N, C-alpha and C. Protein backbone atom coordinates (compact mmCIF):
# COMPACT_ATOMS: atom_id res chain seq x y z
N UNK A 1 0.79 -1.06 0.03
CA UNK A 1 0.02 0.05 0.03
C UNK A 1 0.81 0.94 -0.42
N UNK A 2 0.28 1.87 -0.55
CA UNK A 2 1.40 3.49 -0.74
C UNK A 2 -0.02 4.60 -0.30
N UNK A 3 1.22 5.63 0.43
CA UNK A 3 0.39 6.98 0.88
C UNK A 3 1.17 7.63 -0.25
N UNK A 4 -0.09 8.56 -0.98
CA UNK A 4 0.58 9.98 -1.67
C UNK A 4 0.24 11.23 -0.88
N UNK A 5 1.32 12.03 -0.77
CA UNK A 5 1.32 13.60 -0.51
C UNK A 5 1.44 14.25 -1.65
N UNK A 6 0.64 15.15 -1.64
CA UNK A 6 0.49 16.26 -2.44
C UNK A 6 0.93 17.37 -1.65
N UNK A 7 1.57 17.88 -2.55
CA UNK A 7 2.23 19.20 -1.52
C UNK A 7 2.52 20.68 -2.34
N UNK A 8 2.21 21.85 -2.08
CA UNK A 8 1.38 23.03 -3.05
C UNK A 8 1.97 24.15 -2.15
N UNK A 9 3.74 24.31 -2.36
CA UNK A 9 3.64 25.98 -1.65
C UNK A 9 4.33 26.95 -2.61
N UNK A 10 3.59 28.11 -2.07
CA UNK A 10 4.45 29.55 -2.56
C UNK A 10 4.69 30.46 -1.66
N UNK A 11 5.78 31.27 -2.09
CA UNK A 11 6.38 32.19 -1.32
C UNK A 11 6.61 33.17 -1.88
N UNK A 12 6.23 34.67 -1.59
CA UNK A 12 7.07 36.11 -1.95
C UNK A 12 7.74 36.86 -0.83
N UNK A 13 8.74 37.00 -1.45
CA UNK A 13 9.38 37.91 -0.81
C UNK A 13 10.77 38.68 -1.37
N UNK A 14 11.22 39.82 -0.56
CA UNK A 14 12.39 40.79 -1.19
C UNK A 14 13.42 40.40 -0.48
N UNK A 15 14.38 40.93 -1.03
CA UNK A 15 15.64 40.62 -0.38
C UNK A 15 16.11 42.04 -1.08
N UNK A 16 17.93 42.11 -0.16
CA UNK A 16 18.83 43.50 -0.41
C UNK A 16 19.70 43.43 -1.64
N UNK A 17 19.70 41.92 -2.13
CA UNK A 17 20.82 41.62 -2.79
C UNK A 17 20.30 42.08 -4.31
N UNK A 18 21.67 42.49 -5.14
CA UNK A 18 21.12 42.66 -6.75
C UNK A 18 20.79 41.36 -7.26
N UNK A 19 19.86 41.94 -8.08
CA UNK A 19 19.19 40.41 -9.05
C UNK A 19 20.27 39.42 -9.13
N UNK A 20 21.84 39.87 -9.89
CA UNK A 20 22.44 39.26 -10.88
C UNK A 20 22.91 38.25 -9.52
N UNK A 21 23.22 38.71 -8.85
CA UNK A 21 23.95 38.19 -7.53
C UNK A 21 23.03 36.75 -6.90
N UNK A 22 22.14 37.46 -7.14
CA UNK A 22 20.61 36.27 -6.67
C UNK A 22 20.52 35.37 -7.64
N UNK A 23 20.98 35.36 -8.77
CA UNK A 23 20.15 34.74 -10.21
C UNK A 23 21.35 34.02 -9.96
N UNK A 24 22.65 34.40 -9.68
CA UNK A 24 23.89 33.29 -10.01
C UNK A 24 23.82 32.38 -8.88
N UNK A 25 22.94 32.71 -7.45
CA UNK A 25 23.37 31.27 -6.61
C UNK A 25 21.80 30.74 -7.05
N UNK A 26 21.00 30.76 -7.63
CA UNK A 26 19.42 30.55 -7.76
C UNK A 26 19.72 29.55 -9.08
N UNK A 27 20.57 29.80 -9.97
CA UNK A 27 20.27 29.17 -10.74
C UNK A 27 21.53 28.67 -10.80
N UNK A 28 22.50 28.20 -9.98
CA UNK A 28 23.61 26.96 -10.05
C UNK A 28 22.78 26.36 -9.00
N UNK A 29 22.40 24.83 -9.01
CA UNK A 29 21.37 24.16 -8.18
C UNK A 29 22.51 23.77 -7.31
N UNK A 30 23.81 22.80 -7.26
CA UNK A 30 24.39 22.85 -6.23
C UNK A 30 24.59 23.78 -4.92
N UNK A 31 24.83 25.23 -5.74
CA UNK A 31 25.29 26.60 -5.05
C UNK A 31 23.53 26.47 -4.22
N UNK A 32 22.45 26.50 -4.87
CA UNK A 32 20.91 27.44 -4.11
C UNK A 32 21.03 25.75 -3.19
N UNK A 33 21.00 24.60 -3.33
CA UNK A 33 21.61 23.35 -2.94
C UNK A 33 21.80 23.10 -1.40
N UNK A 34 23.07 24.31 -1.33
CA UNK A 34 23.74 24.19 -0.59
C UNK A 34 23.26 24.86 0.63
N UNK A 35 21.71 25.66 0.44
CA UNK A 35 20.92 26.66 1.67
C UNK A 35 19.95 25.48 2.30
N UNK A 36 19.36 24.73 1.31
CA UNK A 36 18.18 23.99 1.66
C UNK A 36 18.78 22.75 2.93
N UNK A 37 17.94 22.89 3.43
CA UNK A 37 18.37 21.30 4.73
C UNK A 37 18.19 20.14 4.94
N UNK A 38 18.83 19.38 5.48
CA UNK A 38 18.53 18.04 5.54
C UNK A 38 18.62 17.39 3.56
N UNK A 39 19.74 17.45 3.27
CA UNK A 39 19.56 16.94 1.78
C UNK A 39 20.90 16.24 2.22
N UNK A 40 20.56 15.12 1.96
CA UNK A 40 22.14 14.31 2.49
C UNK A 40 23.18 14.07 1.49
N UNK A 41 22.67 13.83 0.03
CA UNK A 41 22.96 13.95 -1.18
C UNK A 41 22.44 14.90 -2.42
N UNK A 42 22.90 15.35 -3.30
CA UNK A 42 22.60 15.85 -4.44
C UNK A 42 23.66 15.54 -5.70
N UNK A 43 22.73 14.87 -6.59
CA UNK A 43 23.82 14.22 -7.38
C UNK A 43 23.65 14.80 -8.89
N UNK A 44 24.80 15.37 -9.50
CA UNK A 44 24.65 15.74 -10.59
C UNK A 44 24.73 14.46 -11.92
N UNK A 45 23.83 14.24 -12.45
CA UNK A 45 22.90 12.99 -13.21
C UNK A 45 23.12 13.97 -15.02
N UNK A 46 23.44 15.18 -14.84
CA UNK A 46 24.37 15.48 -16.76
C UNK A 46 22.65 16.28 -16.88
N UNK A 47 23.21 16.88 -17.74
CA UNK A 47 22.16 17.50 -18.59
C UNK A 47 21.22 19.05 -18.10
N UNK A 48 21.57 19.16 -16.89
CA UNK A 48 20.97 20.25 -15.82
C UNK A 48 19.82 19.71 -14.87
N UNK A 49 20.04 17.83 -15.12
CA UNK A 49 19.21 16.83 -14.00
C UNK A 49 20.19 16.41 -12.94
N UNK A 50 19.45 16.77 -11.73
CA UNK A 50 19.91 16.30 -10.22
C UNK A 50 18.88 15.70 -9.29
N UNK A 51 19.73 14.81 -9.05
CA UNK A 51 18.78 13.74 -7.97
C UNK A 51 19.14 14.47 -6.73
N UNK A 52 17.77 14.51 -5.94
CA UNK A 52 18.20 15.17 -4.13
C UNK A 52 17.59 13.35 -3.64
N UNK A 53 18.52 13.37 -2.67
CA UNK A 53 18.46 12.65 -1.85
C UNK A 53 18.47 13.07 -0.45
N UNK A 54 16.77 13.00 0.18
CA UNK A 54 17.38 13.87 1.55
C UNK A 54 17.34 13.14 2.78
N UNK A 55 17.84 13.49 3.98
CA UNK A 55 17.93 12.82 5.28
C UNK A 55 17.25 11.94 5.15
N UNK A 56 16.83 10.72 6.13
CA UNK A 56 15.82 9.49 6.36
C UNK A 56 15.21 10.82 7.49
N UNK A 57 13.67 10.98 7.54
CA UNK A 57 13.11 11.33 8.56
C UNK A 57 11.98 10.25 9.27
N UNK A 58 11.94 10.70 10.48
CA UNK A 58 10.52 9.70 11.29
C UNK A 58 10.41 9.63 12.52
N UNK A 59 9.76 8.78 13.27
CA UNK A 59 9.56 8.42 14.64
C UNK A 59 9.97 7.15 14.44
N UNK A 60 10.41 6.51 15.87
CA UNK A 60 10.13 5.14 15.98
C UNK A 60 10.64 4.20 15.03
N UNK A 61 9.64 3.05 14.78
CA UNK A 61 10.30 2.30 13.50
C UNK A 61 9.71 2.67 12.17
N UNK A 62 9.36 3.90 12.57
CA UNK A 62 8.95 4.78 10.91
C UNK A 62 10.23 5.22 9.93
N UNK A 63 10.67 5.16 9.19
CA UNK A 63 12.17 6.01 8.73
C UNK A 63 11.65 6.46 6.84
N UNK A 64 11.14 7.38 6.70
CA UNK A 64 11.03 8.04 5.36
C UNK A 64 11.87 8.33 4.92
N UNK A 65 11.97 8.25 3.66
CA UNK A 65 13.87 9.19 2.84
C UNK A 65 12.89 9.75 1.34
N UNK A 66 13.04 10.99 1.43
CA UNK A 66 12.47 11.63 -0.51
C UNK A 66 13.81 11.53 -0.90
N UNK A 67 13.59 10.74 -2.40
CA UNK A 67 14.78 10.55 -3.37
C UNK A 67 13.82 10.89 -4.50
N UNK A 68 14.10 12.42 -5.17
CA UNK A 68 13.90 12.74 -7.01
C UNK A 68 14.72 13.27 -7.22
N UNK A 69 14.09 13.47 -8.45
CA UNK A 69 15.04 14.10 -9.76
C UNK A 69 14.70 14.99 -9.89
N UNK A 70 15.14 16.48 -10.88
CA UNK A 70 14.24 17.41 -11.28
C UNK A 70 15.12 18.03 -12.14
N UNK A 71 14.78 18.16 -13.88
CA UNK A 71 15.43 18.88 -14.34
C UNK A 71 15.82 20.37 -14.50
N UNK A 72 16.64 21.51 -14.33
CA UNK A 72 16.33 22.50 -14.35
C UNK A 72 16.63 22.93 -15.17
N UNK A 73 16.29 23.95 -15.62
CA UNK A 73 16.43 24.98 -16.78
C UNK A 73 16.43 26.53 -16.51
N UNK A 74 17.82 27.24 -16.63
CA UNK A 74 17.65 28.53 -16.38
C UNK A 74 17.89 30.11 -17.37
N UNK A 75 17.02 31.07 -17.26
CA UNK A 75 17.14 31.88 -18.23
C UNK A 75 16.83 33.09 -17.51
N UNK A 76 18.15 33.79 -17.88
CA UNK A 76 18.47 34.80 -17.26
C UNK A 76 17.82 36.57 -17.59
N UNK A 77 17.49 36.58 -18.80
CA UNK A 77 16.88 37.22 -19.30
C UNK A 77 15.42 37.39 -18.54
N UNK A 78 15.26 36.30 -18.35
CA UNK A 78 13.29 36.14 -18.05
C UNK A 78 13.83 35.96 -16.44
N UNK A 79 14.30 35.92 -15.89
CA UNK A 79 14.98 35.72 -14.39
C UNK A 79 14.01 34.75 -13.94
N UNK A 80 14.04 33.52 -14.60
CA UNK A 80 13.72 32.30 -14.00
C UNK A 80 14.58 31.40 -14.04
N UNK A 81 13.93 30.47 -12.63
CA UNK A 81 14.69 28.82 -12.73
C UNK A 81 13.73 28.19 -12.88
N UNK A 82 13.83 27.23 -13.63
CA UNK A 82 12.63 26.46 -13.85
C UNK A 82 12.97 24.89 -13.12
N UNK A 83 11.97 24.48 -12.79
CA UNK A 83 11.98 22.66 -12.36
C UNK A 83 10.91 21.73 -13.04
N UNK A 84 11.39 20.59 -13.77
CA UNK A 84 10.15 19.76 -14.03
C UNK A 84 10.80 18.10 -13.41
N UNK A 85 9.66 17.93 -12.99
CA UNK A 85 10.02 16.27 -12.55
C UNK A 85 10.90 15.27 -13.17
N UNK A 86 11.41 14.19 -13.10
CA UNK A 86 11.93 13.35 -13.74
C UNK A 86 11.54 12.37 -13.31
N UNK A 87 10.78 11.65 -14.06
CA UNK A 87 9.62 10.03 -13.48
C UNK A 87 11.17 9.07 -13.87
N UNK A 88 10.72 8.10 -12.93
CA UNK A 88 11.03 7.33 -12.47
C UNK A 88 12.30 7.21 -11.70
N UNK A 89 12.71 8.87 -11.15
CA UNK A 89 13.89 8.47 -10.20
C UNK A 89 13.24 9.02 -8.52
N UNK A 90 13.48 7.60 -7.86
CA UNK A 90 12.75 7.77 -6.51
C UNK A 90 11.53 8.16 -6.07
N UNK A 91 10.95 8.33 -5.26
CA UNK A 91 9.73 8.58 -4.79
C UNK A 91 8.57 10.01 -4.93
N UNK A 92 9.15 10.43 -5.45
CA UNK A 92 8.83 11.81 -5.37
C UNK A 92 8.71 12.24 -6.62
N UNK A 93 7.84 13.29 -7.75
CA UNK A 93 8.12 14.33 -8.08
C UNK A 93 8.39 15.44 -7.97
N UNK A 94 8.50 16.74 -8.47
CA UNK A 94 8.79 17.92 -7.56
C UNK A 94 9.31 18.71 -8.91
N UNK A 95 8.60 19.61 -8.54
CA UNK A 95 8.15 20.96 -10.11
C UNK A 95 8.50 22.44 -9.09
N UNK A 96 8.86 22.83 -10.09
CA UNK A 96 8.43 24.50 -9.21
C UNK A 96 9.14 25.45 -10.02
N UNK A 97 9.66 26.85 -9.55
CA UNK A 97 10.19 27.95 -10.17
C UNK A 97 10.51 29.05 -9.36
N UNK A 98 11.95 29.79 -9.33
CA UNK A 98 11.69 31.03 -9.23
C UNK A 98 11.65 32.22 -9.99
N UNK A 99 11.38 32.79 -9.57
CA UNK A 99 11.10 34.48 -10.16
C UNK A 99 11.40 35.06 -9.63
N UNK A 100 12.48 35.89 -10.14
CA UNK A 100 13.49 37.21 -9.67
C UNK A 100 13.53 38.07 -10.75
N UNK A 101 13.06 39.00 -9.63
CA UNK A 101 12.96 40.58 -10.54
C UNK A 101 13.55 41.50 -9.84
N UNK A 102 14.21 42.35 -10.59
CA UNK A 102 14.84 43.46 -9.91
C UNK A 102 14.12 44.51 -9.93
N UNK A 103 14.44 45.18 -8.42
CA UNK A 103 13.97 46.14 -7.89
C UNK A 103 15.20 47.41 -8.12
N UNK A 104 15.83 47.55 -8.68
CA UNK A 104 16.94 48.42 -8.25
C UNK A 104 18.03 47.95 -7.67
N UNK A 105 16.77 48.97 -6.23
CA UNK A 105 17.73 48.58 -4.90
C UNK A 105 17.54 47.75 -4.27
N UNK A 106 16.49 45.91 -4.73
CA UNK A 106 16.49 45.34 -4.00
C UNK A 106 15.69 44.25 -4.81
N UNK A 107 15.72 43.13 -4.77
CA UNK A 107 15.42 41.86 -5.66
C UNK A 107 14.11 41.25 -4.50
N UNK A 108 12.78 41.46 -5.91
CA UNK A 108 11.88 40.04 -5.39
C UNK A 108 11.66 39.10 -5.88
N UNK A 109 11.61 37.60 -4.82
CA UNK A 109 11.21 37.09 -4.94
C UNK A 109 10.27 36.09 -5.36
N UNK A 110 10.28 35.06 -6.17
CA UNK A 110 8.59 34.50 -6.35
C UNK A 110 8.95 32.91 -6.17
N UNK A 111 9.17 32.19 -5.08
CA UNK A 111 9.40 30.69 -4.88
C UNK A 111 7.79 30.14 -4.97
N UNK A 112 7.97 28.93 -6.15
CA UNK A 112 6.56 27.94 -6.45
C UNK A 112 7.24 26.09 -6.54
N UNK A 113 7.16 25.44 -5.66
CA UNK A 113 6.80 23.95 -5.05
C UNK A 113 5.86 23.36 -5.54
N UNK A 114 6.20 22.60 -6.02
CA UNK A 114 4.96 21.52 -6.24
C UNK A 114 5.79 19.98 -6.22
N UNK A 115 4.85 19.28 -5.47
CA UNK A 115 5.28 17.99 -5.18
C UNK A 115 4.37 16.61 -4.95
N UNK A 116 4.82 15.77 -5.50
CA UNK A 116 4.07 14.74 -5.24
C UNK A 116 4.90 13.38 -4.34
N UNK A 117 4.82 12.79 -3.21
CA UNK A 117 5.70 12.16 -2.60
C UNK A 117 4.86 10.80 -2.37
N UNK A 118 4.88 9.22 -2.60
CA UNK A 118 4.59 8.43 -2.99
C UNK A 118 5.30 7.33 -1.23
N UNK A 119 4.87 7.27 0.06
CA UNK A 119 5.42 6.62 0.76
C UNK A 119 4.58 5.24 0.78
N UNK A 120 5.47 4.17 0.74
CA UNK A 120 5.40 2.91 1.30
C UNK A 120 4.74 2.48 2.79
N UNK A 121 3.54 2.71 3.23
CA UNK A 121 2.69 3.07 4.17
C UNK A 121 1.56 1.91 3.97
N UNK A 122 1.17 1.77 4.97
CA UNK A 122 -0.47 1.27 5.14
C UNK A 122 -1.24 2.42 4.87
N UNK A 123 -2.29 2.06 4.32
CA UNK A 123 -3.39 3.39 4.07
C UNK A 123 -3.61 3.83 5.18
N UNK A 124 -4.08 3.27 6.69
CA UNK A 124 -4.54 3.47 7.74
C UNK A 124 -3.51 4.57 8.04
N UNK A 125 -2.26 4.46 7.71
CA UNK A 125 -1.51 5.74 8.49
C UNK A 125 -0.88 6.93 7.58
N UNK A 126 -2.36 6.85 6.53
CA UNK A 126 -2.47 7.96 6.12
C UNK A 126 -2.91 9.58 6.82
N UNK A 127 -3.70 8.99 7.95
CA UNK A 127 -4.37 10.63 8.25
C UNK A 127 -3.26 11.00 9.56
N UNK A 128 -1.97 9.82 9.91
CA UNK A 128 -1.24 10.51 10.86
C UNK A 128 0.10 10.81 9.28
N UNK A 129 0.11 10.56 8.77
CA UNK A 129 1.59 10.69 7.83
C UNK A 129 1.39 11.98 7.31
N UNK A 130 0.28 12.16 6.72
CA UNK A 130 0.54 13.06 5.72
C UNK A 130 0.63 14.41 6.34
N UNK A 131 -0.25 14.81 7.35
CA UNK A 131 0.05 15.93 8.02
C UNK A 131 1.80 16.11 8.74
N UNK A 132 2.32 15.39 8.84
CA UNK A 132 3.75 15.15 9.37
C UNK A 132 4.17 15.53 8.32
N UNK A 133 4.25 14.91 6.94
CA UNK A 133 4.93 15.19 5.63
C UNK A 133 5.24 16.37 5.49
N UNK A 134 3.89 17.04 5.12
CA UNK A 134 3.54 18.56 4.68
C UNK A 134 4.22 19.15 5.99
N UNK A 135 3.70 19.72 6.69
CA UNK A 135 4.58 19.93 7.82
C UNK A 135 6.39 20.16 8.06
N UNK A 136 6.77 18.60 7.97
CA UNK A 136 7.77 18.83 7.59
C UNK A 136 8.64 19.32 6.43
N UNK A 137 8.20 19.13 5.28
CA UNK A 137 8.61 19.94 4.16
C UNK A 137 8.24 20.98 3.96
N UNK A 138 7.30 21.89 4.77
CA UNK A 138 7.20 23.20 4.93
C UNK A 138 7.92 23.69 5.59
N UNK A 139 8.52 23.42 6.53
CA UNK A 139 9.46 24.18 7.86
C UNK A 139 10.57 23.63 6.90
N UNK A 140 10.78 22.83 6.18
CA UNK A 140 12.58 22.69 5.20
C UNK A 140 12.25 24.03 4.07
N UNK A 141 11.13 24.43 3.60
CA UNK A 141 11.43 25.03 2.45
C UNK A 141 11.56 26.27 3.07
N UNK A 142 10.66 26.87 4.07
CA UNK A 142 11.07 28.02 5.32
C UNK A 142 12.34 28.18 5.88
N UNK A 143 12.82 27.44 6.17
CA UNK A 143 14.21 27.06 6.61
C UNK A 143 15.68 27.51 5.38
N UNK A 144 14.58 27.24 4.29
CA UNK A 144 15.84 27.27 3.14
C UNK A 144 15.72 28.64 3.01
N UNK A 145 14.48 29.61 2.57
CA UNK A 145 14.24 30.83 2.44
C UNK A 145 14.60 31.46 3.61
N UNK A 146 14.60 31.19 4.64
CA UNK A 146 15.40 31.76 5.95
C UNK A 146 17.36 31.82 5.20
N UNK A 147 17.64 30.84 5.11
CA UNK A 147 18.93 30.74 4.43
C UNK A 147 19.60 31.69 3.58
N UNK A 148 18.29 31.40 2.49
CA UNK A 148 18.76 32.30 1.37
C UNK A 148 19.27 33.71 1.67
N UNK A 149 18.09 34.45 2.38
CA UNK A 149 17.11 35.46 3.05
C UNK A 149 18.41 35.98 3.75
N UNK A 150 19.18 35.11 4.46
CA UNK A 150 20.05 35.78 5.26
C UNK A 150 21.88 36.03 4.32
N UNK A 151 21.92 34.62 3.50
CA UNK A 151 23.11 35.16 2.44
C UNK A 151 22.67 36.76 1.23
N UNK A 152 21.48 36.66 1.38
CA UNK A 152 21.34 37.97 0.44
C UNK A 152 20.81 39.32 1.15
N UNK A 153 21.52 39.48 2.53
CA UNK A 153 21.58 40.35 3.28
C UNK A 153 20.69 40.80 3.74
N UNK A 154 20.06 39.86 4.20
CA UNK A 154 18.17 40.08 4.41
C UNK A 154 16.87 40.83 3.87
N UNK A 155 15.79 40.97 4.53
CA UNK A 155 14.68 40.68 3.44
C UNK A 155 14.94 42.23 3.65
N UNK A 156 13.89 42.99 2.97
CA UNK A 156 13.83 44.27 2.98
C UNK A 156 12.17 44.81 3.63
């Protein structure tokens, strides 16, 4: 039996750094990933595709590890970094995008993340597992944003 967890997160914030510097970090997947918590391994699969292997999380006898791959495409003139899921890699499909807008004295950022995680657990566990996984993922993304915000000189 498998429990599916759908993730849909969106954030908007503004940082003090220049857009060109922000784009340089966010378009470089290993650099950007270094700010994301609980990444066990980031594997460069070539052609802009990376496999994320997250640290195992869980309680008692239940340990869960999220593994997925996404293909990244950056467009400097549009100020975007877009990732699409690679099927058949791991137990999740993750897509999303960064939109980077130059406000001259600051940079406005929009982050959208969508995920579909498949967890091999009995259906009875769904009521317990889904909120825990959603909460954990949201907490990790918020830590990622906080780490990036600090790197970019704080929020405006």
